Every structure is written in structure tokens, then in C-alpha cells.
N, C-alpha and C. Protein backbone atom coordinates (compact mmCIF):
# COMPACT_ATOMS: atom_id res chain seq x y z
N UNK A 1 102.12 -79.70 -184.16
CA UNK A 1 102.05 -79.81 -182.71
C UNK A 1 100.62 -79.86 -182.22
N UNK A 2 99.75 -79.10 -182.86
CA UNK A 2 98.35 -79.09 -182.45
C UNK A 2 97.72 -80.47 -182.66
N UNK A 3 98.08 -81.12 -183.76
CA UNK A 3 97.55 -82.44 -184.03
C UNK A 3 98.03 -83.44 -183.00
N UNK A 4 99.29 -83.33 -182.60
CA UNK A 4 99.84 -84.23 -181.59
C UNK A 4 99.14 -84.01 -180.25
N UNK A 5 98.91 -82.75 -179.90
CA UNK A 5 98.24 -82.44 -178.64
C UNK A 5 96.82 -82.96 -178.63
N UNK A 6 96.15 -82.80 -179.77
CA UNK A 6 94.77 -83.30 -179.87
C UNK A 6 94.72 -84.81 -179.72
N UNK A 7 95.67 -85.49 -180.36
CA UNK A 7 95.73 -86.95 -180.26
C UNK A 7 95.97 -87.38 -178.82
N UNK A 8 96.86 -86.68 -178.12
CA UNK A 8 97.15 -87.03 -176.73
C UNK A 8 95.93 -86.82 -175.85
N UNK A 9 95.20 -85.73 -176.11
CA UNK A 9 93.99 -85.46 -175.33
C UNK A 9 92.96 -86.55 -175.54
N UNK A 10 92.77 -86.99 -176.78
CA UNK A 10 91.78 -88.02 -177.09
C UNK A 10 92.20 -89.36 -176.49
N UNK A 11 93.52 -89.66 -176.55
CA UNK A 11 94.02 -90.90 -175.97
C UNK A 11 93.84 -90.90 -174.47
N UNK A 12 94.12 -89.75 -173.83
CA UNK A 12 93.95 -89.64 -172.39
C UNK A 12 92.50 -89.84 -171.99
N UNK A 13 91.57 -89.26 -172.78
CA UNK A 13 90.15 -89.42 -172.49
C UNK A 13 89.73 -90.88 -172.60
N UNK A 14 90.29 -91.56 -173.60
CA UNK A 14 89.95 -92.98 -173.79
C UNK A 14 90.41 -93.80 -172.59
N UNK A 15 91.65 -93.48 -172.09
CA UNK A 15 92.21 -94.26 -170.99
C UNK A 15 91.51 -93.93 -169.68
N UNK A 16 91.16 -92.68 -169.46
CA UNK A 16 90.64 -92.26 -168.16
C UNK A 16 89.28 -92.85 -167.84
N UNK A 17 88.37 -92.92 -168.81
CA UNK A 17 87.03 -93.43 -168.51
C UNK A 17 86.77 -94.81 -169.13
N UNK A 18 87.78 -95.39 -169.76
CA UNK A 18 87.69 -96.73 -170.35
C UNK A 18 86.57 -96.84 -171.40
N UNK A 19 86.18 -95.73 -171.95
CA UNK A 19 85.13 -95.74 -172.97
C UNK A 19 85.75 -95.90 -174.34
N UNK A 20 85.20 -96.79 -175.18
CA UNK A 20 85.74 -96.97 -176.53
C UNK A 20 85.14 -96.03 -177.57
N UNK A 21 84.34 -95.06 -177.12
CA UNK A 21 83.59 -94.22 -178.05
C UNK A 21 84.47 -93.50 -179.06
N UNK A 22 85.58 -92.91 -178.62
CA UNK A 22 86.46 -92.20 -179.54
C UNK A 22 87.04 -93.14 -180.58
N UNK A 23 87.45 -94.30 -180.12
CA UNK A 23 88.00 -95.30 -181.05
C UNK A 23 86.93 -95.75 -182.03
N UNK A 24 85.74 -95.99 -181.55
CA UNK A 24 84.64 -96.42 -182.40
C UNK A 24 84.30 -95.36 -183.44
N UNK A 25 84.26 -94.11 -183.03
CA UNK A 25 83.96 -93.03 -183.97
C UNK A 25 85.00 -92.96 -185.09
N UNK A 26 86.25 -93.19 -184.73
CA UNK A 26 87.32 -93.15 -185.74
C UNK A 26 87.17 -94.28 -186.76
N UNK A 27 86.97 -95.51 -186.27
CA UNK A 27 86.91 -96.63 -187.22
C UNK A 27 85.61 -96.63 -188.00
N UNK A 28 84.54 -96.12 -187.41
CA UNK A 28 83.27 -96.03 -188.14
C UNK A 28 83.39 -95.03 -189.29
N UNK A 29 84.02 -93.90 -189.04
CA UNK A 29 84.22 -92.90 -190.10
C UNK A 29 85.07 -93.47 -191.22
N UNK A 30 86.13 -94.18 -190.86
CA UNK A 30 87.00 -94.79 -191.87
C UNK A 30 86.24 -95.87 -192.65
N UNK A 31 85.43 -96.67 -191.95
CA UNK A 31 84.67 -97.74 -192.61
C UNK A 31 83.63 -97.17 -193.57
N UNK A 32 82.97 -96.10 -193.19
CA UNK A 32 81.98 -95.47 -194.08
C UNK A 32 82.66 -94.95 -195.34
N UNK A 33 83.83 -94.35 -195.18
CA UNK A 33 84.54 -93.82 -196.35
C UNK A 33 84.93 -94.95 -197.29
N UNK A 34 85.40 -96.05 -196.73
CA UNK A 34 85.81 -97.18 -197.56
C UNK A 34 84.60 -97.82 -198.25
N UNK A 35 83.48 -97.91 -197.54
CA UNK A 35 82.26 -98.46 -198.13
C UNK A 35 81.78 -97.60 -199.29
N UNK A 36 81.85 -96.29 -199.12
CA UNK A 36 81.44 -95.38 -200.19
C UNK A 36 82.36 -95.52 -201.41
N UNK A 37 83.66 -95.72 -201.17
CA UNK A 37 84.60 -95.90 -202.27
C UNK A 37 84.28 -97.15 -203.08
N UNK A 38 83.85 -98.20 -202.39
CA UNK A 38 83.49 -99.44 -203.09
C UNK A 38 82.32 -99.19 -204.03
N UNK A 39 81.31 -98.50 -203.54
CA UNK A 39 80.13 -98.24 -204.36
C UNK A 39 80.44 -97.30 -205.52
N UNK A 40 81.42 -96.43 -205.34
CA UNK A 40 81.79 -95.50 -206.42
C UNK A 40 82.75 -96.14 -207.42
N UNK A 41 83.62 -97.04 -206.94
CA UNK A 41 84.66 -97.59 -207.79
C UNK A 41 84.15 -98.69 -208.72
N UNK A 42 83.15 -99.43 -208.27
CA UNK A 42 82.63 -100.52 -209.08
C UNK A 42 81.49 -100.04 -209.97
N UNK A 43 81.65 -100.25 -211.27
CA UNK A 43 80.55 -99.94 -212.18
C UNK A 43 79.44 -100.98 -212.06
N UNK A 44 79.81 -102.20 -211.77
CA UNK A 44 78.83 -103.28 -211.62
C UNK A 44 77.99 -103.05 -210.37
N UNK A 45 76.70 -103.33 -210.49
CA UNK A 45 75.80 -103.25 -209.34
C UNK A 45 75.44 -104.66 -208.84
N UNK A 46 76.26 -105.64 -209.24
CA UNK A 46 76.03 -107.02 -208.81
C UNK A 46 76.14 -107.09 -207.29
N UNK A 47 75.10 -107.58 -206.64
CA UNK A 47 75.03 -107.59 -205.18
C UNK A 47 76.12 -108.47 -204.58
N UNK A 48 76.31 -109.66 -205.13
CA UNK A 48 77.30 -110.58 -204.58
C UNK A 48 78.72 -110.02 -204.68
N UNK A 49 79.02 -109.32 -205.77
CA UNK A 49 80.34 -108.72 -205.94
C UNK A 49 80.58 -107.60 -204.94
N UNK A 50 79.61 -106.71 -204.81
CA UNK A 50 79.75 -105.59 -203.89
C UNK A 50 79.80 -106.06 -202.44
N UNK A 51 79.00 -107.07 -202.12
CA UNK A 51 79.00 -107.60 -200.77
C UNK A 51 80.35 -108.23 -200.44
N UNK A 52 80.90 -108.96 -201.40
CA UNK A 52 82.21 -109.58 -201.18
C UNK A 52 83.27 -108.52 -200.91
N UNK A 53 83.25 -107.44 -201.67
CA UNK A 53 84.21 -106.35 -201.46
C UNK A 53 84.03 -105.74 -200.07
N UNK A 54 82.78 -105.60 -199.65
CA UNK A 54 82.51 -105.04 -198.33
C UNK A 54 83.06 -105.94 -197.22
N UNK A 55 82.83 -107.24 -197.35
CA UNK A 55 83.27 -108.19 -196.32
C UNK A 55 84.80 -108.26 -196.25
N UNK A 56 85.46 -108.03 -197.37
CA UNK A 56 86.92 -108.13 -197.40
C UNK A 56 87.59 -106.83 -196.96
N UNK A 57 87.06 -105.70 -197.40
CA UNK A 57 87.77 -104.44 -197.21
C UNK A 57 87.18 -103.52 -196.13
N UNK A 58 85.95 -103.77 -195.72
CA UNK A 58 85.31 -102.84 -194.78
C UNK A 58 85.06 -103.49 -193.42
N UNK A 59 84.42 -104.63 -193.41
CA UNK A 59 84.03 -105.19 -192.12
C UNK A 59 85.19 -105.51 -191.19
N UNK A 60 86.36 -105.90 -191.70
CA UNK A 60 87.49 -106.10 -190.78
C UNK A 60 87.84 -104.86 -189.96
N UNK A 61 87.56 -103.67 -190.50
CA UNK A 61 87.85 -102.44 -189.77
C UNK A 61 87.06 -102.35 -188.47
N UNK A 62 85.80 -102.81 -188.50
CA UNK A 62 84.95 -102.69 -187.32
C UNK A 62 84.93 -103.96 -186.48
N UNK A 63 85.67 -104.98 -186.93
CA UNK A 63 85.70 -106.23 -186.18
C UNK A 63 87.03 -106.50 -185.51
N UNK A 64 88.10 -105.89 -186.00
CA UNK A 64 89.42 -106.19 -185.48
C UNK A 64 89.53 -105.85 -183.99
N UNK A 65 89.84 -106.87 -183.18
CA UNK A 65 89.99 -106.71 -181.73
C UNK A 65 88.75 -106.13 -181.07
N UNK A 66 87.59 -106.36 -181.67
CA UNK A 66 86.36 -105.77 -181.12
C UNK A 66 86.01 -106.30 -179.74
N UNK A 67 86.50 -107.48 -179.40
CA UNK A 67 86.24 -108.02 -178.06
C UNK A 67 86.89 -107.15 -176.99
N UNK A 68 88.05 -106.59 -177.32
CA UNK A 68 88.78 -105.77 -176.34
C UNK A 68 88.00 -104.49 -176.02
N UNK A 69 87.49 -103.85 -177.06
CA UNK A 69 86.76 -102.59 -176.84
C UNK A 69 85.27 -102.79 -177.08
N UNK A 70 84.77 -103.97 -176.79
CA UNK A 70 83.38 -104.32 -177.06
C UNK A 70 82.43 -103.25 -176.55
N UNK A 71 81.62 -102.67 -177.43
CA UNK A 71 80.73 -101.58 -177.02
C UNK A 71 79.55 -102.09 -176.20
N UNK A 72 79.10 -101.29 -175.27
CA UNK A 72 77.97 -101.69 -174.43
C UNK A 72 76.82 -100.68 -174.48
N UNK A 73 77.10 -99.47 -174.96
CA UNK A 73 76.04 -98.47 -175.02
C UNK A 73 75.33 -98.55 -176.37
N UNK A 74 74.06 -98.17 -176.39
CA UNK A 74 73.29 -98.20 -177.62
C UNK A 74 73.91 -97.30 -178.68
N UNK A 75 74.46 -96.18 -178.25
CA UNK A 75 75.06 -95.23 -179.19
C UNK A 75 76.24 -95.87 -179.93
N UNK A 76 77.13 -96.52 -179.20
CA UNK A 76 78.31 -97.13 -179.81
C UNK A 76 77.94 -98.33 -180.67
N UNK A 77 77.03 -99.17 -180.18
CA UNK A 77 76.60 -100.34 -180.93
C UNK A 77 75.94 -99.92 -182.24
N UNK A 78 75.09 -98.92 -182.16
CA UNK A 78 74.39 -98.45 -183.35
C UNK A 78 75.37 -97.85 -184.35
N UNK A 79 76.38 -97.14 -183.86
CA UNK A 79 77.38 -96.54 -184.74
C UNK A 79 78.13 -97.62 -185.52
N UNK A 80 78.54 -98.68 -184.84
CA UNK A 80 79.25 -99.75 -185.50
C UNK A 80 78.36 -100.48 -186.50
N UNK A 81 77.13 -100.77 -186.10
CA UNK A 81 76.22 -101.50 -186.97
C UNK A 81 75.78 -100.64 -188.15
N UNK A 82 75.88 -99.33 -188.01
CA UNK A 82 75.41 -98.43 -189.07
C UNK A 82 76.21 -98.60 -190.35
N UNK A 83 77.46 -99.04 -190.23
CA UNK A 83 78.29 -99.22 -191.43
C UNK A 83 77.68 -100.28 -192.32
N UNK A 84 77.40 -101.44 -191.75
CA UNK A 84 76.80 -102.54 -192.51
C UNK A 84 75.36 -102.23 -192.87
N UNK A 85 74.64 -101.58 -191.96
CA UNK A 85 73.24 -101.25 -192.21
C UNK A 85 73.09 -100.32 -193.42
N UNK A 86 73.93 -99.28 -193.46
CA UNK A 86 73.83 -98.31 -194.55
C UNK A 86 74.28 -98.92 -195.88
N UNK A 87 75.35 -99.71 -195.84
CA UNK A 87 75.86 -100.30 -197.08
C UNK A 87 74.84 -101.26 -197.68
N UNK A 88 74.28 -102.13 -196.86
CA UNK A 88 73.32 -103.12 -197.39
C UNK A 88 72.05 -102.46 -197.91
N UNK A 89 71.69 -101.32 -197.35
CA UNK A 89 70.49 -100.63 -197.81
C UNK A 89 70.70 -100.04 -199.21
N UNK A 90 71.95 -99.78 -199.59
CA UNK A 90 72.25 -99.19 -200.88
C UNK A 90 72.45 -100.23 -201.98
N UNK A 91 72.33 -101.50 -201.62
CA UNK A 91 72.46 -102.55 -202.63
C UNK A 91 71.17 -102.70 -203.42
N UNK A 92 71.30 -103.12 -204.66
CA UNK A 92 70.16 -103.21 -205.57
C UNK A 92 69.09 -104.17 -205.02
N UNK A 93 67.86 -103.66 -204.97
CA UNK A 93 66.72 -104.47 -204.58
C UNK A 93 66.50 -104.61 -203.09
N UNK A 94 67.34 -103.95 -202.26
CA UNK A 94 67.23 -104.12 -200.81
C UNK A 94 66.86 -102.83 -200.08
N UNK A 95 66.64 -101.79 -200.82
CA UNK A 95 66.39 -100.47 -200.20
C UNK A 95 65.18 -100.47 -199.30
N UNK A 96 64.13 -101.16 -199.69
CA UNK A 96 62.87 -101.12 -198.93
C UNK A 96 62.75 -102.26 -197.92
N UNK A 97 63.80 -103.05 -197.76
CA UNK A 97 63.78 -104.14 -196.78
C UNK A 97 64.28 -103.63 -195.42
N UNK A 98 63.81 -104.25 -194.36
CA UNK A 98 64.32 -103.92 -193.04
C UNK A 98 65.74 -104.48 -192.91
N UNK A 99 66.44 -104.03 -191.91
CA UNK A 99 67.82 -104.47 -191.72
C UNK A 99 67.90 -105.98 -191.51
N UNK A 100 67.03 -106.52 -190.69
CA UNK A 100 67.03 -107.97 -190.45
C UNK A 100 66.75 -108.74 -191.74
N UNK A 101 65.84 -108.24 -192.55
CA UNK A 101 65.53 -108.90 -193.82
C UNK A 101 66.74 -108.86 -194.76
N UNK A 102 67.44 -107.74 -194.76
CA UNK A 102 68.63 -107.63 -195.60
C UNK A 102 69.71 -108.62 -195.16
N UNK A 103 69.91 -108.73 -193.86
CA UNK A 103 70.91 -109.67 -193.35
C UNK A 103 70.56 -111.10 -193.75
N UNK A 104 69.28 -111.44 -193.66
CA UNK A 104 68.85 -112.80 -193.98
C UNK A 104 69.01 -113.09 -195.47
N UNK A 105 68.63 -112.14 -196.31
CA UNK A 105 68.72 -112.35 -197.76
C UNK A 105 70.17 -112.41 -198.22
N UNK A 106 71.04 -111.64 -197.57
CA UNK A 106 72.45 -111.62 -197.95
C UNK A 106 73.27 -112.70 -197.24
N UNK A 107 72.66 -113.33 -196.26
CA UNK A 107 73.35 -114.37 -195.48
C UNK A 107 74.62 -113.84 -194.82
N UNK A 108 74.48 -112.68 -194.17
CA UNK A 108 75.59 -112.11 -193.42
C UNK A 108 75.19 -111.97 -191.96
N UNK A 109 76.20 -111.82 -191.11
CA UNK A 109 75.97 -111.80 -189.67
C UNK A 109 75.92 -110.39 -189.13
N UNK A 110 75.14 -110.23 -188.08
CA UNK A 110 75.19 -108.99 -187.30
C UNK A 110 76.28 -109.16 -186.25
N UNK A 111 76.58 -108.12 -185.51
CA UNK A 111 77.56 -108.21 -184.43
C UNK A 111 77.12 -109.23 -183.39
N UNK A 112 75.84 -109.31 -183.12
CA UNK A 112 75.34 -110.25 -182.10
C UNK A 112 75.65 -111.68 -182.50
N UNK A 113 75.40 -112.02 -183.76
CA UNK A 113 75.69 -113.37 -184.23
C UNK A 113 77.20 -113.64 -184.20
N UNK A 114 77.98 -112.66 -184.61
CA UNK A 114 79.44 -112.83 -184.62
C UNK A 114 79.98 -113.03 -183.21
N UNK A 115 79.41 -112.32 -182.24
CA UNK A 115 79.85 -112.48 -180.85
C UNK A 115 79.51 -113.86 -180.31
N UNK A 116 78.38 -114.41 -180.71
CA UNK A 116 78.01 -115.76 -180.28
C UNK A 116 78.97 -116.80 -180.86
N UNK A 117 79.34 -116.63 -182.10
CA UNK A 117 80.28 -117.55 -182.73
C UNK A 117 81.64 -117.47 -182.05
N UNK A 118 82.07 -116.26 -181.71
CA UNK A 118 83.34 -116.09 -181.01
C UNK A 118 83.28 -116.75 -179.63
N UNK A 119 82.15 -116.63 -178.96
CA UNK A 119 81.98 -117.26 -177.65
C UNK A 119 82.15 -118.77 -177.77
N UNK A 120 81.55 -119.35 -178.80
CA UNK A 120 81.70 -120.80 -179.02
C UNK A 120 83.18 -121.16 -179.22
N UNK A 121 83.88 -120.38 -180.03
CA UNK A 121 85.28 -120.66 -180.31
C UNK A 121 86.13 -120.60 -179.04
N UNK A 122 85.82 -119.64 -178.17
CA UNK A 122 86.56 -119.52 -176.92
C UNK A 122 86.27 -120.70 -175.99
N UNK A 123 84.99 -121.03 -175.86
CA UNK A 123 84.59 -122.10 -174.94
C UNK A 123 85.11 -123.47 -175.36
N UNK A 124 85.18 -123.71 -176.66
CA UNK A 124 85.55 -125.03 -177.15
C UNK A 124 86.97 -125.10 -177.72
N UNK A 125 87.79 -124.13 -177.33
CA UNK A 125 89.22 -124.20 -177.63
C UNK A 125 89.64 -123.89 -179.04
N UNK A 126 88.80 -123.20 -179.79
CA UNK A 126 89.17 -122.83 -181.16
C UNK A 126 89.95 -121.52 -181.19
N UNK A 127 90.01 -120.84 -180.06
CA UNK A 127 90.80 -119.62 -179.94
C UNK A 127 91.85 -119.84 -178.85
N UNK A 128 93.08 -119.44 -179.12
CA UNK A 128 94.18 -119.64 -178.18
C UNK A 128 94.19 -118.51 -177.15
N UNK A 129 93.40 -118.68 -176.10
CA UNK A 129 93.28 -117.67 -175.04
C UNK A 129 93.60 -118.32 -173.70
N UNK A 130 94.61 -117.78 -173.00
CA UNK A 130 95.03 -118.35 -171.73
C UNK A 130 94.12 -117.98 -170.57
N UNK A 131 93.50 -116.81 -170.67
CA UNK A 131 92.65 -116.32 -169.58
C UNK A 131 91.30 -117.01 -169.63
N UNK A 132 90.79 -117.38 -168.45
CA UNK A 132 89.48 -118.02 -168.36
C UNK A 132 88.41 -116.93 -168.33
N UNK A 133 87.76 -116.71 -169.46
CA UNK A 133 86.79 -115.63 -169.55
C UNK A 133 85.40 -116.05 -169.09
N UNK A 134 85.09 -117.35 -169.16
CA UNK A 134 83.75 -117.82 -168.84
C UNK A 134 83.79 -118.96 -167.84
N UNK A 135 82.71 -119.10 -167.09
CA UNK A 135 82.51 -120.23 -166.19
C UNK A 135 81.20 -120.91 -166.54
N UNK A 136 81.24 -122.21 -166.68
CA UNK A 136 80.01 -122.95 -166.97
C UNK A 136 79.13 -123.00 -165.73
N UNK A 137 77.84 -122.95 -165.96
CA UNK A 137 76.87 -123.01 -164.87
C UNK A 137 76.56 -124.47 -164.56
N UNK A 138 76.86 -124.91 -163.34
CA UNK A 138 76.71 -126.33 -162.98
C UNK A 138 75.38 -126.63 -162.30
N UNK A 139 74.62 -125.61 -161.97
CA UNK A 139 73.39 -125.84 -161.20
C UNK A 139 72.12 -125.76 -162.05
N UNK A 140 72.20 -125.19 -163.23
CA UNK A 140 71.01 -125.01 -164.05
C UNK A 140 70.58 -126.33 -164.70
N UNK A 141 69.29 -126.58 -164.65
CA UNK A 141 68.74 -127.79 -165.28
C UNK A 141 67.89 -127.46 -166.50
N UNK A 142 67.74 -126.18 -166.80
CA UNK A 142 66.96 -125.75 -167.96
C UNK A 142 67.88 -125.29 -169.08
N UNK A 143 67.35 -125.39 -170.29
CA UNK A 143 68.13 -124.95 -171.44
C UNK A 143 69.20 -125.95 -171.83
N UNK A 144 70.18 -125.47 -172.61
CA UNK A 144 71.22 -126.36 -173.10
C UNK A 144 72.26 -126.66 -172.02
N UNK A 145 73.12 -127.59 -172.28
CA UNK A 145 74.06 -128.10 -171.27
C UNK A 145 75.30 -127.24 -171.09
N UNK A 146 75.49 -126.24 -171.93
CA UNK A 146 76.68 -125.41 -171.84
C UNK A 146 76.35 -123.97 -171.43
N UNK A 147 75.36 -123.82 -170.59
CA UNK A 147 75.00 -122.49 -170.11
C UNK A 147 76.12 -121.91 -169.25
N UNK A 148 76.24 -120.59 -169.27
CA UNK A 148 77.32 -119.90 -168.58
C UNK A 148 76.83 -119.24 -167.30
N UNK A 149 77.71 -119.15 -166.33
CA UNK A 149 77.38 -118.54 -165.06
C UNK A 149 77.51 -117.03 -165.15
N UNK A 150 76.47 -116.32 -164.69
CA UNK A 150 76.46 -114.86 -164.72
C UNK A 150 76.96 -114.34 -163.38
N UNK A 151 78.13 -113.73 -163.38
CA UNK A 151 78.70 -113.19 -162.15
C UNK A 151 78.00 -111.89 -161.78
N UNK A 152 77.81 -111.70 -160.51
CA UNK A 152 77.20 -110.46 -160.02
C UNK A 152 78.29 -109.41 -159.86
N UNK A 153 78.05 -108.24 -160.39
CA UNK A 153 79.01 -107.15 -160.26
C UNK A 153 78.29 -105.83 -160.09
N UNK A 154 78.89 -104.97 -159.28
CA UNK A 154 78.33 -103.63 -159.06
C UNK A 154 79.06 -102.57 -159.89
N UNK A 155 80.04 -103.01 -160.65
CA UNK A 155 80.84 -102.07 -161.44
C UNK A 155 80.36 -102.08 -162.88
N UNK A 156 79.98 -100.91 -163.38
CA UNK A 156 79.46 -100.82 -164.74
C UNK A 156 80.54 -101.17 -165.77
N UNK A 157 81.83 -100.91 -165.42
CA UNK A 157 82.91 -101.23 -166.34
C UNK A 157 82.98 -102.73 -166.57
N UNK A 158 82.90 -103.50 -165.49
CA UNK A 158 82.95 -104.96 -165.59
C UNK A 158 81.73 -105.49 -166.35
N UNK A 159 80.56 -104.95 -166.06
CA UNK A 159 79.34 -105.43 -166.70
C UNK A 159 79.29 -105.12 -168.19
N UNK A 160 80.18 -104.22 -168.65
CA UNK A 160 80.21 -103.84 -170.06
C UNK A 160 81.15 -104.70 -170.87
N UNK A 161 81.92 -105.57 -170.21
CA UNK A 161 82.85 -106.42 -170.92
C UNK A 161 82.11 -107.41 -171.81
N UNK A 162 82.77 -107.79 -172.91
CA UNK A 162 82.20 -108.77 -173.84
C UNK A 162 81.78 -110.04 -173.12
N UNK A 163 82.65 -110.54 -172.22
CA UNK A 163 82.38 -111.82 -171.58
C UNK A 163 81.21 -111.76 -170.60
N UNK A 164 80.73 -110.57 -170.28
CA UNK A 164 79.55 -110.43 -169.44
C UNK A 164 78.30 -110.16 -170.28
N UNK A 165 78.45 -109.31 -171.29
CA UNK A 165 77.29 -108.91 -172.10
C UNK A 165 76.71 -110.06 -172.91
N UNK A 166 77.56 -111.02 -173.30
CA UNK A 166 77.10 -112.06 -174.21
C UNK A 166 76.46 -113.24 -173.49
N UNK A 167 76.59 -113.30 -172.16
CA UNK A 167 76.15 -114.49 -171.42
C UNK A 167 74.65 -114.73 -171.56
N UNK A 168 73.84 -113.71 -171.38
CA UNK A 168 72.39 -113.90 -171.46
C UNK A 168 71.96 -114.36 -172.85
N UNK A 169 72.63 -113.84 -173.87
CA UNK A 169 72.29 -114.25 -175.23
C UNK A 169 72.68 -115.71 -175.45
N UNK A 170 73.88 -116.06 -175.02
CA UNK A 170 74.36 -117.44 -175.16
C UNK A 170 73.44 -118.42 -174.41
N UNK A 171 73.06 -118.06 -173.21
CA UNK A 171 72.21 -118.94 -172.41
C UNK A 171 70.80 -119.08 -172.98
N UNK A 172 70.41 -118.17 -173.86
CA UNK A 172 69.07 -118.22 -174.43
C UNK A 172 68.98 -119.20 -175.61
N UNK A 173 70.12 -119.74 -176.05
CA UNK A 173 70.09 -120.73 -177.14
C UNK A 173 69.24 -121.93 -176.72
N UNK A 174 68.52 -122.53 -177.65
CA UNK A 174 67.58 -123.60 -177.30
C UNK A 174 68.27 -124.85 -176.74
N UNK A 175 67.52 -125.63 -175.98
CA UNK A 175 68.05 -126.86 -175.38
C UNK A 175 68.44 -127.88 -176.45
N UNK A 176 67.90 -127.73 -177.65
CA UNK A 176 68.20 -128.65 -178.74
C UNK A 176 69.44 -128.25 -179.53
N UNK A 177 70.11 -127.19 -179.11
CA UNK A 177 71.28 -126.69 -179.84
C UNK A 177 72.36 -127.76 -179.91
N UNK A 178 72.96 -127.89 -181.08
CA UNK A 178 74.01 -128.87 -181.32
C UNK A 178 75.37 -128.16 -181.29
N UNK A 179 76.21 -128.49 -180.31
CA UNK A 179 77.50 -127.84 -180.14
C UNK A 179 78.66 -128.71 -180.63
N UNK A 180 78.36 -129.72 -181.42
CA UNK A 180 79.39 -130.66 -181.85
C UNK A 180 80.39 -130.06 -182.83
N UNK A 181 80.00 -129.03 -183.55
CA UNK A 181 80.91 -128.40 -184.50
C UNK A 181 80.52 -126.93 -184.69
N UNK A 182 81.44 -126.17 -185.26
CA UNK A 182 81.18 -124.75 -185.50
C UNK A 182 80.05 -124.57 -186.50
N UNK A 183 80.00 -125.40 -187.53
CA UNK A 183 78.94 -125.29 -188.53
C UNK A 183 77.57 -125.54 -187.91
N UNK A 184 77.49 -126.51 -186.99
CA UNK A 184 76.21 -126.80 -186.32
C UNK A 184 75.76 -125.61 -185.49
N UNK A 185 76.70 -124.97 -184.83
CA UNK A 185 76.38 -123.80 -184.00
C UNK A 185 75.93 -122.64 -184.88
N UNK A 186 76.60 -122.46 -186.02
CA UNK A 186 76.20 -121.39 -186.94
C UNK A 186 74.77 -121.60 -187.44
N UNK A 187 74.44 -122.85 -187.75
CA UNK A 187 73.08 -123.16 -188.20
C UNK A 187 72.07 -122.88 -187.11
N UNK A 188 72.43 -123.23 -185.88
CA UNK A 188 71.53 -122.98 -184.74
C UNK A 188 71.31 -121.49 -184.54
N UNK A 189 72.40 -120.73 -184.56
CA UNK A 189 72.31 -119.29 -184.36
C UNK A 189 71.47 -118.64 -185.46
N UNK A 190 71.64 -119.14 -186.68
CA UNK A 190 70.88 -118.59 -187.80
C UNK A 190 69.40 -118.87 -187.72
N UNK A 191 69.01 -119.89 -186.98
CA UNK A 191 67.60 -120.27 -186.90
C UNK A 191 66.88 -119.69 -185.68
N UNK A 192 67.65 -119.08 -184.76
CA UNK A 192 67.06 -118.56 -183.52
C UNK A 192 66.64 -117.10 -183.72
N UNK A 193 65.50 -116.76 -183.14
CA UNK A 193 65.00 -115.39 -183.20
C UNK A 193 65.52 -114.62 -181.99
N UNK A 194 66.42 -113.69 -182.23
CA UNK A 194 67.00 -112.89 -181.16
C UNK A 194 66.36 -111.51 -181.06
N UNK A 195 65.09 -111.43 -181.41
CA UNK A 195 64.41 -110.13 -181.45
C UNK A 195 64.49 -109.38 -180.12
N UNK A 196 64.37 -110.11 -179.02
CA UNK A 196 64.40 -109.47 -177.70
C UNK A 196 65.72 -108.76 -177.49
N UNK A 197 66.81 -109.42 -177.85
CA UNK A 197 68.12 -108.82 -177.65
C UNK A 197 68.40 -107.72 -178.65
N UNK A 198 67.88 -107.87 -179.86
CA UNK A 198 68.01 -106.78 -180.83
C UNK A 198 67.26 -105.55 -180.34
N UNK A 199 66.11 -105.76 -179.74
CA UNK A 199 65.33 -104.63 -179.22
C UNK A 199 66.07 -103.95 -178.07
N UNK A 200 66.80 -104.72 -177.30
CA UNK A 200 67.52 -104.17 -176.16
C UNK A 200 68.76 -103.40 -176.59
N UNK A 201 69.50 -103.95 -177.55
CA UNK A 201 70.80 -103.38 -177.89
C UNK A 201 70.85 -102.70 -179.25
N UNK A 202 69.94 -103.09 -180.18
CA UNK A 202 70.04 -102.58 -181.54
C UNK A 202 68.73 -102.00 -182.03
N UNK A 203 67.97 -101.40 -181.17
CA UNK A 203 66.65 -100.91 -181.51
C UNK A 203 66.72 -99.86 -182.63
N UNK A 204 67.77 -99.08 -182.63
CA UNK A 204 67.92 -98.07 -183.67
C UNK A 204 68.13 -98.73 -185.03
N UNK A 205 68.91 -99.83 -185.06
CA UNK A 205 69.22 -100.51 -186.32
C UNK A 205 67.97 -101.11 -186.94
N UNK A 206 67.05 -101.59 -186.13
CA UNK A 206 65.89 -102.28 -186.63
C UNK A 206 64.88 -101.34 -187.30
N UNK A 207 65.06 -100.06 -187.10
CA UNK A 207 64.12 -99.11 -187.67
C UNK A 207 64.42 -98.76 -189.11
N UNK A 208 65.58 -99.24 -189.62
CA UNK A 208 66.00 -98.82 -190.95
C UNK A 208 66.33 -100.04 -191.81
């Protein structure tokens, strides 16, 4: 009964303030445990093998439906990114590399890159979503041709939504960006320096 009461209290807290922190803490703890099991279960220290296991068995835990509970606070973002950050640091030959260097050498995405790819899929009909989450900006003459309109809002809950947080990052893509295919967009995203946005949202991650 105590466990049921505790669960109800945590669920009520999640609903009342619309904060995903409790949910994030739960999945981050589970993801860390699973990542540790991978490192303990495999005798091989082959980086490609361990990374593949991580991408298959761990990262889906922190990505599933992440748009719904998309984190907006540095604490929550750092907690989610810490799973991949800690795991990659424990791989052979990567301990002394920064997080960005590890991502580049392993050719894996951060949450920021993944969110940009999801935005492309939504905008260009690769995701079956009936709700109109974005509006194209028709007045801007700078940057690329698919810039998004930033709605003004006084509500912090609205400003924390995925479809609001990603707009500035999406609009910062270069005017030469090729949106003809998903692969072209991935190449563009991989070549762009998002240091400013990493400093804003992932400053803790960049220190390790």
C-alpha cells in the first residue's frame, strides 16, 4: 500500500506542475543501470560492439516519446544527456576526450541533433502527425527558406514545449542547407557548429 501511495503522490506531482523531472529521473536511473550491465556483461572492449549495444538497449529508454515530455531545464537536459556522456567516456581510448569529441569520433547524435532531425521529419511529412506544430515564417529574407515562426508567449509551460524550444536552433541552420532529403539534412546538421546552443542548454555536458 505504501508503494501505491508513493506512486500516486509522484504521479499527482507530475500532473500538477507539468514537470517531467520525476519521469526523467526514473528513466535515467534505469538507463544507467542498463548501460552498466552492458559494460559488465561483455568481455570484449570493442568500441563498435559496445556502442551498438548501447544504441539498441539503452538509448531508446531516454528517447521514447521524448517530444511529449521534452525537457527545458538545464537540470533535466543534463540528466538525460548524462547517460550517453558517462557511457561514452568509459569506452576504450575516449576517457580523456571531451563529450563533443566523443560524439564526433563515434558518429552518434546528441539530443539537440536528434531533435533537429525530428523537426525535419515533422515539417516534411515523414511523421504522421495531424496537429500543426510549426508555422513557416513568410516574412524573413535571411537564412534558409524553411525558417519557422517564433510565437510570442508569456507562459513558461508553452515556451518549454519541444515545438518552441527547437525553433531558434532550426532557424540557425545555414542558408546553404539542403532539405531535399533526410540524409542531406543529417549531413548539414553534422557540419554545423551548435556551440552557442550547447552552451545555453548543455553547458554541464561540455565540461566532461
